[in-house]
PDB file of N, CA and C in Angstrom:
ATOM      1  N   MET A   1      15.611  87.372  61.107  1.00  0.00           N
ATOM      2  CA  MET A   1      14.576  87.125  60.120  1.00  0.00           C
ATOM      3  C   MET A   1      13.199  87.300  60.774  1.00  0.00           C
ATOM      4  N   ALA A   2      12.321  88.000  60.104  1.00  0.00           N
ATOM      5  CA  ALA A   2      10.984  88.286  60.619  1.00  0.00           C
ATOM      6  C   ALA A   2      10.056  87.084  60.457  1.00  0.00           C
ATOM      7  N   MET A   3       8.973  87.104  61.215  1.00  0.00           N
ATOM      8  CA  MET A   3       7.957  86.053  61.114  1.00  0.00           C
ATOM      9  C   MET A   3       6.818  86.505  60.223  1.00  0.00           C
ATOM     10  N   VAL A   4       6.245  85.555  59.509  1.00  0.00           N
ATOM     11  CA  VAL A   4       5.089  85.828  58.670  1.00  0.00           C
ATOM     12  C   VAL A   4       3.833  85.709  59.530  1.00  0.00           C
ATOM     13  N   GLN A   5       2.901  86.601  59.305  1.00  0.00           N
ATOM     14  CA  GLN A   5       1.659  86.652  60.076  1.00  0.00           C
ATOM     15  C   GLN A   5       0.938  85.306  60.091  1.00  0.00           C
ATOM     16  N   THR A   6       0.898  84.622  58.975  1.00  0.00           N
ATOM     17  CA  THR A   6       0.197  83.335  58.915  1.00  0.00           C
ATOM     18  C   THR A   6       0.881  82.276  59.777  1.00  0.00           C
ATOM     19  N   ASP A   7       2.205  82.374  59.919  1.00  0.00           N
ATOM     20  CA  ASP A   7       2.921  81.429  60.777  1.00  0.00           C
ATOM     21  C   ASP A   7       2.561  81.631  62.246  1.00  0.00           C
ATOM     22  N   ILE A   8       2.413  82.889  62.641  1.00  0.00           N
ATOM     23  CA  ILE A   8       2.020  83.195  64.019  1.00  0.00           C
ATOM     24  C   ILE A   8       0.643  82.599  64.295  1.00  0.00           C
ATOM     25  N   GLU A   9      -0.285  82.845  63.375  1.00  0.00           N
ATOM     26  CA  GLU A   9      -1.641  82.335  63.537  1.00  0.00           C
ATOM     27  C   GLU A   9      -1.648  80.801  63.587  1.00  0.00           C
ATOM     28  N   LYS A  10      -0.894  80.170  62.733  1.00  0.00           N
ATOM     29  CA  LYS A  10      -0.841  78.704  62.691  1.00  0.00           C
ATOM     30  C   LYS A  10      -0.321  78.123  64.009  1.00  0.00           C
ATOM     31  N   MET A  11       0.722  78.729  64.553  1.00  0.00           N
ATOM     32  CA  MET A  11       1.294  78.237  65.805  1.00  0.00           C
ATOM     33  C   MET A  11       0.301  78.369  66.956  1.00  0.00           C
ATOM     34  N   ILE A  12      -0.402  79.496  66.999  1.00  0.00           N
ATOM     35  CA  ILE A  12      -1.394  79.699  68.061  1.00  0.00           C
ATOM     36  C   ILE A  12      -2.538  78.703  67.894  1.00  0.00           C
ATOM     37  N   LYS A  13      -2.992  78.502  66.657  1.00  0.00           N
ATOM     38  CA  LYS A  13      -4.095  77.561  66.387  1.00  0.00           C
ATOM     39  C   LYS A  13      -3.732  76.132  66.762  1.00  0.00           C
ATOM     40  N   GLU A  14      -2.476  75.756  66.565  1.00  0.00           N
ATOM     41  CA  GLU A  14      -2.036  74.405  66.930  1.00  0.00           C
ATOM     42  C   GLU A  14      -2.147  74.189  68.435  1.00  0.00           C
ATOM     43  N   ALA A  15      -1.846  75.215  69.211  1.00  0.00           N
ATOM     44  CA  ALA A  15      -1.900  75.105  70.674  1.00  0.00           C
ATOM     45  C   ALA A  15      -3.306  75.345  71.217  1.00  0.00           C
ATOM     46  N   LEU A  16      -4.062  76.204  70.544  1.00  0.00           N
ATOM     47  CA  LEU A  16      -5.404  76.578  70.994  1.00  0.00           C
ATOM     48  C   LEU A  16      -6.357  76.442  69.803  1.00  0.00           C
ATOM     49  N   PRO A  17      -6.776  75.210  69.493  1.00  0.00           N
ATOM     50  CA  PRO A  17      -7.548  74.954  68.262  1.00  0.00           C
ATOM     51  C   PRO A  17      -8.836  75.759  68.111  1.00  0.00           C
ATOM     52  N   ASP A  18      -9.469  76.126  69.208  1.00  0.00           N
ATOM     53  CA  ASP A  18     -10.738  76.868  69.095  1.00  0.00           C
ATOM     54  C   ASP A  18     -10.537  78.383  69.035  1.00  0.00           C
ATOM     55  N   ALA A  19      -9.287  78.818  69.030  1.00  0.00           N
ATOM     56  CA  ALA A  19      -8.996  80.249  69.112  1.00  0.00           C
ATOM     57  C   ALA A  19      -9.483  81.022  67.898  1.00  0.00           C
ATOM     58  N   GLU A  20     -10.035  82.189  68.188  1.00  0.00           N
ATOM     59  CA  GLU A  20     -10.311  83.188  67.158  1.00  0.00           C
ATOM     60  C   GLU A  20      -9.154  84.175  67.253  1.00  0.00           C
ATOM     61  N   ILE A  21      -8.490  84.407  66.137  1.00  0.00           N
ATOM     62  CA  ILE A  21      -7.261  85.189  66.153  1.00  0.00           C
ATOM     63  C   ILE A  21      -7.349  86.318  65.131  1.00  0.00           C
ATOM     64  N   VAL A  22      -7.024  87.516  65.586  1.00  0.00           N
ATOM     65  CA  VAL A  22      -6.925  88.671  64.693  1.00  0.00           C
ATOM     66  C   VAL A  22      -5.528  89.236  64.881  1.00  0.00           C
ATOM     67  N   ILE A  23      -4.742  89.225  63.802  1.00  0.00           N
ATOM     68  CA  ILE A  23      -3.361  89.704  63.868  1.00  0.00           C
ATOM     69  C   ILE A  23      -3.193  90.874  62.907  1.00  0.00           C
ATOM     70  N   GLU A  24      -2.462  91.877  63.371  1.00  0.00           N
ATOM     71  CA  GLU A  24      -2.176  93.047  62.540  1.00  0.00           C
ATOM     72  C   GLU A  24      -0.679  93.329  62.577  1.00  0.00           C
ATOM     73  N   ASP A  25      -0.087  93.524  61.418  1.00  0.00           N
ATOM     74  CA  ASP A  25       1.314  93.925  61.320  1.00  0.00           C
ATOM     75  C   ASP A  25       1.353  95.439  61.529  1.00  0.00           C
ATOM     76  N   LEU A  26       1.860  95.867  62.668  1.00  0.00           N
ATOM     77  CA  LEU A  26       1.766  97.272  63.068  1.00  0.00           C
ATOM     78  C   LEU A  26       2.630  98.209  62.244  1.00  0.00           C
ATOM     79  N   ARG A  27       3.761  97.717  61.742  1.00  0.00           N
ATOM     80  CA  ARG A  27       4.681  98.587  61.003  1.00  0.00           C
ATOM     81  C   ARG A  27       4.912  98.132  59.565  1.00  0.00           C
ATOM     82  N   GLY A  28       4.370  96.984  59.213  1.00  0.00           N
ATOM     83  CA  GLY A  28       4.599  96.460  57.873  1.00  0.00           C
ATOM     84  C   GLY A  28       5.975  95.847  57.705  1.00  0.00           C
ATOM     85  N   ASP A  29       6.646  95.569  58.839  1.00  0.00           N
ATOM     86  CA  ASP A  29       8.010  95.058  58.770  1.00  0.00           C
ATOM     87  C   ASP A  29       8.130  93.588  59.186  1.00  0.00           C
ATOM     88  N   GLY A  30       7.006  92.970  59.581  1.00  0.00           N
ATOM     89  CA  GLY A  30       7.048  91.577  60.002  1.00  0.00           C
ATOM     90  C   GLY A  30       7.684  91.355  61.360  1.00  0.00           C
ATOM     91  N   ASP A  31       7.961  92.419  62.075  1.00  0.00           N
ATOM     92  CA  ASP A  31       8.587  92.322  63.401  1.00  0.00           C
ATOM     93  C   ASP A  31       7.694  92.803  64.532  1.00  0.00           C
ATOM     94  N   HIS A  32       6.715  93.624  64.225  1.00  0.00           N
ATOM     95  CA  HIS A  32       5.882  94.256  65.240  1.00  0.00           C
ATOM     96  C   HIS A  32       4.414  93.979  64.934  1.00  0.00           C
ATOM     97  N   TYR A  33       3.810  93.131  65.738  1.00  0.00           N
ATOM     98  CA  TYR A  33       2.424  92.718  65.526  1.00  0.00           C
ATOM     99  C   TYR A  33       1.567  93.034  66.740  1.00  0.00           C
ATOM    100  N   SER A  34       0.273  93.122  66.489  1.00  0.00           N
ATOM    101  CA  SER A  34      -0.695  93.081  67.571  1.00  0.00           C
ATOM    102  C   SER A  34      -1.557  91.851  67.304  1.00  0.00           C
ATOM    103  N   ALA A  35      -2.004  91.218  68.368  1.00  0.00           N
ATOM    104  CA  ALA A  35      -2.838  90.027  68.228  1.00  0.00           C
ATOM    105  C   ALA A  35      -3.923  90.039  69.289  1.00  0.00           C
ATOM    106  N   ARG A  36      -5.122  89.709  68.855  1.00  0.00           N
ATOM    107  CA  ARG A  36      -6.239  89.495  69.779  1.00  0.00           C
ATOM    108  C   ARG A  36      -6.612  88.030  69.652  1.00  0.00           C
ATOM    109  N   VAL A  37      -6.504  87.301  70.760  1.00  0.00           N
ATOM    110  CA  VAL A  37      -6.759  85.867  70.776  1.00  0.00           C
ATOM    111  C   VAL A  37      -7.898  85.586  71.751  1.00  0.00           C
ATOM    112  N   THR A  38      -8.949  84.961  71.246  1.00  0.00           N
ATOM    113  CA  THR A  38     -10.101  84.589  72.063  1.00  0.00           C
ATOM    114  C   THR A  38     -10.203  83.078  72.058  1.00  0.00           C
ATOM    115  N   SER A  39     -10.214  82.475  73.247  1.00  0.00           N
ATOM    116  CA  SER A  39     -10.270  81.018  73.345  1.00  0.00           C
ATOM    117  C   SER A  39     -10.940  80.594  74.650  1.00  0.00           C
ATOM    118  N   SER A  40     -11.714  79.519  74.576  1.00  0.00           N
ATOM    119  CA  SER A  40     -12.333  78.973  75.784  1.00  0.00           C
ATOM    120  C   SER A  40     -11.281  78.378  76.722  1.00  0.00           C
ATOM    121  N   ALA A  41     -10.097  78.081  76.201  1.00  0.00           N
ATOM    122  CA  ALA A  41      -9.011  77.550  77.037  1.00  0.00           C
ATOM    123  C   ALA A  41      -8.551  78.571  78.075  1.00  0.00           C
ATOM    124  N   PHE A  42      -8.874  79.843  77.872  1.00  0.00           N
ATOM    125  CA  PHE A  42      -8.483  80.892  78.810  1.00  0.00           C
ATOM    126  C   PHE A  42      -9.414  80.987  80.012  1.00  0.00           C
ATOM    127  N   GLU A  43     -10.537  80.315  79.960  1.00  0.00           N
ATOM    128  CA  GLU A  43     -11.517  80.413  81.034  1.00  0.00           C
ATOM    129  C   GLU A  43     -10.901  79.989  82.368  1.00  0.00           C
ATOM    130  N   GLY A  44     -11.093  80.830  83.378  1.00  0.00           N
ATOM    131  CA  GLY A  44     -10.583  80.546  84.716  1.00  0.00           C
ATOM    132  C   GLY A  44      -9.110  80.877  84.901  1.00  0.00           C
ATOM    133  N   LYS A  45      -8.468  81.383  83.865  1.00  0.00           N
ATOM    134  CA  LYS A  45      -7.040  81.727  83.932  1.00  0.00           C
ATOM    135  C   LYS A  45      -6.897  83.238  84.137  1.00  0.00           C
ATOM    136  N   THR A  46      -5.822  83.628  84.798  1.00  0.00           N
ATOM    137  CA  THR A  46      -5.518  85.053  84.921  1.00  0.00           C
ATOM    138  C   THR A  46      -5.039  85.563  83.571  1.00  0.00           C
ATOM    139  N   ARG A  47      -5.028  86.872  83.408  1.00  0.00           N
ATOM    140  CA  ARG A  47      -4.545  87.473  82.162  1.00  0.00           C
ATOM    141  C   ARG A  47      -3.094  87.053  81.902  1.00  0.00           C
ATOM    142  N   VAL A  48      -2.283  87.024  82.956  1.00  0.00           N
ATOM    143  CA  VAL A  48      -0.887  86.616  82.809  1.00  0.00           C
ATOM    144  C   VAL A  48      -0.807  85.170  82.319  1.00  0.00           C
ATOM    145  N   GLN A  49      -1.606  84.278  82.879  1.00  0.00           N
ATOM    146  CA  GLN A  49      -1.621  82.881  82.443  1.00  0.00           C
ATOM    147  C   GLN A  49      -2.085  82.757  80.991  1.00  0.00           C
ATOM    148  N   GLN A  50      -3.072  83.557  80.605  1.00  0.00           N
ATOM    149  CA  GLN A  50      -3.555  83.540  79.226  1.00  0.00           C
ATOM    150  C   GLN A  50      -2.444  83.956  78.265  1.00  0.00           C
ATOM    151  N   HIS A  51      -1.750  85.021  78.603  1.00  0.00           N
ATOM    152  CA  HIS A  51      -0.658  85.485  77.748  1.00  0.00           C
ATOM    153  C   HIS A  51       0.451  84.453  77.683  1.00  0.00           C
ATOM    154  N   GLN A  52       0.746  83.823  78.806  1.00  0.00           N
ATOM    155  CA  GLN A  52       1.789  82.796  78.828  1.00  0.00           C
ATOM    156  C   GLN A  52       1.420  81.638  77.912  1.00  0.00           C
ATOM    157  N   MET A  53       0.149  81.277  77.854  1.00  0.00           N
ATOM    158  CA  MET A  53      -0.306  80.210  76.961  1.00  0.00           C
ATOM    159  C   MET A  53      -0.031  80.572  75.498  1.00  0.00           C
ATOM    160  N   VAL A  54      -0.247  81.831  75.146  1.00  0.00           N
ATOM    161  CA  VAL A  54       0.029  82.268  73.769  1.00  0.00           C
ATOM    162  C   VAL A  54       1.530  82.274  73.516  1.00  0.00           C
ATOM    163  N   TYR A  55       2.313  82.810  74.453  1.00  0.00           N
ATOM    164  CA  TYR A  55       3.767  82.827  74.287  1.00  0.00           C
ATOM    165  C   TYR A  55       4.324  81.412  74.179  1.00  0.00           C
ATOM    166  N   ASP A  56       3.791  80.487  74.968  1.00  0.00           N
ATOM    167  CA  ASP A  56       4.214  79.089  74.875  1.00  0.00           C
ATOM    168  C   ASP A  56       3.927  78.524  73.490  1.00  0.00           C
ATOM    169  N   ALA A  57       2.789  78.912  72.919  1.00  0.00           N
ATOM    170  CA  ALA A  57       2.416  78.447  71.583  1.00  0.00           C
ATOM    171  C   ALA A  57       3.411  78.926  70.531  1.00  0.00           C
ATOM    172  N   LEU A  58       4.072  80.045  70.788  1.00  0.00           N
ATOM    173  CA  LEU A  58       5.028  80.606  69.829  1.00  0.00           C
ATOM    174  C   LEU A  58       6.407  79.967  69.937  1.00  0.00           C
ATOM    175  N   GLN A  59       6.550  79.001  70.808  1.00  0.00           N
ATOM    176  CA  GLN A  59       7.721  78.129  70.889  1.00  0.00           C
ATOM    177  C   GLN A  59       9.064  78.865  70.871  1.00  0.00           C
ATOM    178  N   GLY A  60       9.171  79.879  71.710  1.00  0.00           N
ATOM    179  CA  GLY A  60      10.447  80.571  71.850  1.00  0.00           C
ATOM    180  C   GLY A  60      10.763  81.583  70.765  1.00  0.00           C
ATOM    181  N   LYS A  61       9.831  81.867  69.884  1.00  0.00           N
ATOM    182  CA  LYS A  61      10.082  82.828  68.795  1.00  0.00           C
ATOM    183  C   LYS A  61      10.048  84.284  69.282  1.00  0.00           C
ATOM    184  N   MET A  62       9.369  84.532  70.421  1.00  0.00           N
ATOM    185  CA  MET A  62       9.299  85.895  70.966  1.00  0.00           C
ATOM    186  C   MET A  62      10.709  86.375  71.322  1.00  0.00           C
ATOM    187  N   GLY A  63      11.006  87.603  70.921  1.00  0.00           N
ATOM    188  CA  GLY A  63      12.306  88.170  71.223  1.00  0.00           C
ATOM    189  C   GLY A  63      13.363  87.811  70.196  1.00  0.00           C
ATOM    190  N   GLY A  64      13.054  86.867  69.327  1.00  0.00           N
ATOM    191  CA  GLY A  64      13.971  86.481  68.263  1.00  0.00           C
ATOM    192  C   GLY A  64      13.368  86.842  66.927  1.00  0.00           C
ATOM    193  N   GLU A  65      12.759  85.850  66.302  1.00  0.00           N
ATOM    194  CA  GLU A  65      12.107  86.080  65.007  1.00  0.00           C
ATOM    195  C   GLU A  65      10.929  87.038  65.126  1.00  0.00           C
ATOM    196  N   LEU A  66      10.274  87.009  66.275  1.00  0.00           N
ATOM    197  CA  LEU A  66       9.142  87.896  66.531  1.00  0.00           C
ATOM    198  C   LEU A  66       9.581  88.917  67.572  1.00  0.00           C
ATOM    199  N   HIS A  67       9.856  90.119  67.118  1.00  0.00           N
ATOM    200  CA  HIS A  67      10.439  91.138  67.991  1.00  0.00           C
ATOM    201  C   HIS A  67       9.438  91.674  69.014  1.00  0.00           C
ATOM    202  N   ALA A  68       8.199  91.976  68.575  1.00  0.00           N
ATOM    203  CA  ALA A  68       7.225  92.581  69.481  1.00  0.00           C
ATOM    204  C   ALA A  68       5.819  92.096  69.153  1.00  0.00           C
ATOM    205  N   LEU A  69       5.067  91.788  70.199  1.00  0.00           N
ATOM    206  CA  LEU A  69       3.683  91.356  70.041  1.00  0.00           C
ATOM    207  C   LEU A  69       2.833  92.031  71.112  1.00  0.00           C
ATOM    208  N   ALA A  70       1.978  92.954  70.681  1.00  0.00           N
ATOM    209  CA  ALA A  70       1.014  93.576  71.585  1.00  0.00           C
ATOM    210  C   ALA A  70      -0.159  92.611  71.663  1.00  0.00           C
ATOM    211  N   LEU A  71      -0.350  91.998  72.810  1.00  0.00           N
ATOM    212  CA  LEU A  71      -1.276  90.875  72.938  1.00  0.00           C
ATOM    213  C   LEU A  71      -2.486  91.227  73.794  1.00  0.00           C
ATOM    214  N   GLN A  72      -3.655  90.872  73.280  1.00  0.00           N
ATOM    215  CA  GLN A  72      -4.909  90.950  74.032  1.00  0.00           C
ATOM    216  C   GLN A  72      -5.512  89.551  74.008  1.00  0.00           C
ATOM    217  N   THR A  73      -5.969  89.077  75.153  1.00  0.00           N
ATOM    218  CA  THR A  73      -6.614  87.773  75.235  1.00  0.00           C
ATOM    219  C   THR A  73      -7.992  87.916  75.858  1.00  0.00           C
ATOM    220  N   ASP A  74      -8.860  86.980  75.515  1.00  0.00           N
ATOM    221  CA  ASP A  74     -10.220  87.043  76.030  1.00  0.00           C
ATOM    222  C   ASP A  74     -10.857  85.664  75.965  1.00  0.00           C
ATOM    223  N   VAL A  75     -11.908  85.494  76.765  1.00  0.00           N
ATOM    224  CA  VAL A  75     -12.733  84.286  76.756  1.00  0.00           C
ATOM    225  C   VAL A  75     -13.957  84.599  75.887  1.00  0.00           C
ATOM    226  N   PRO A  76     -14.397  83.658  75.053  1.00  0.00           N
ATOM    227  CA  PRO A  76     -15.565  83.934  74.202  1.00  0.00           C
ATOM    228  C   PRO A  76     -16.808  84.216  75.055  1.00  0.00           C
ATOM    229  N   ASN A  77     -17.675  85.058  74.526  1.00  0.00           N
ATOM    230  CA  ASN A  77     -18.960  85.319  75.163  1.00  0.00           C
ATOM    231  C   ASN A  77     -19.833  84.078  75.000  1.00  0.00           C
ATOM    232  N   THR A  78     -20.446  83.649  76.092  1.00  0.00           N
ATOM    233  CA  THR A  78     -21.302  82.463  76.010  1.00  0.00           C
ATOM    234  C   THR A  78     -22.743  82.811  76.251  1.00  0.00           C
TER     235      THR A  78
END
């Protein structure tokens, strides 16, 4: 079963409340998304650590309900 875009955003927001999130369904099938997540929580973290924070927010859905996520992370401009 595929994930709904709003569910992905909600899960990320719960873990990273200040996050700005832009999600796009790449194929229209609910299985392949791209996401750009900007959060101050990423400050001082490596790109790998930032991505891990997002994957952790998805609570094990990656590889199951969410087949593919092209992820970009960033720290807000201050």
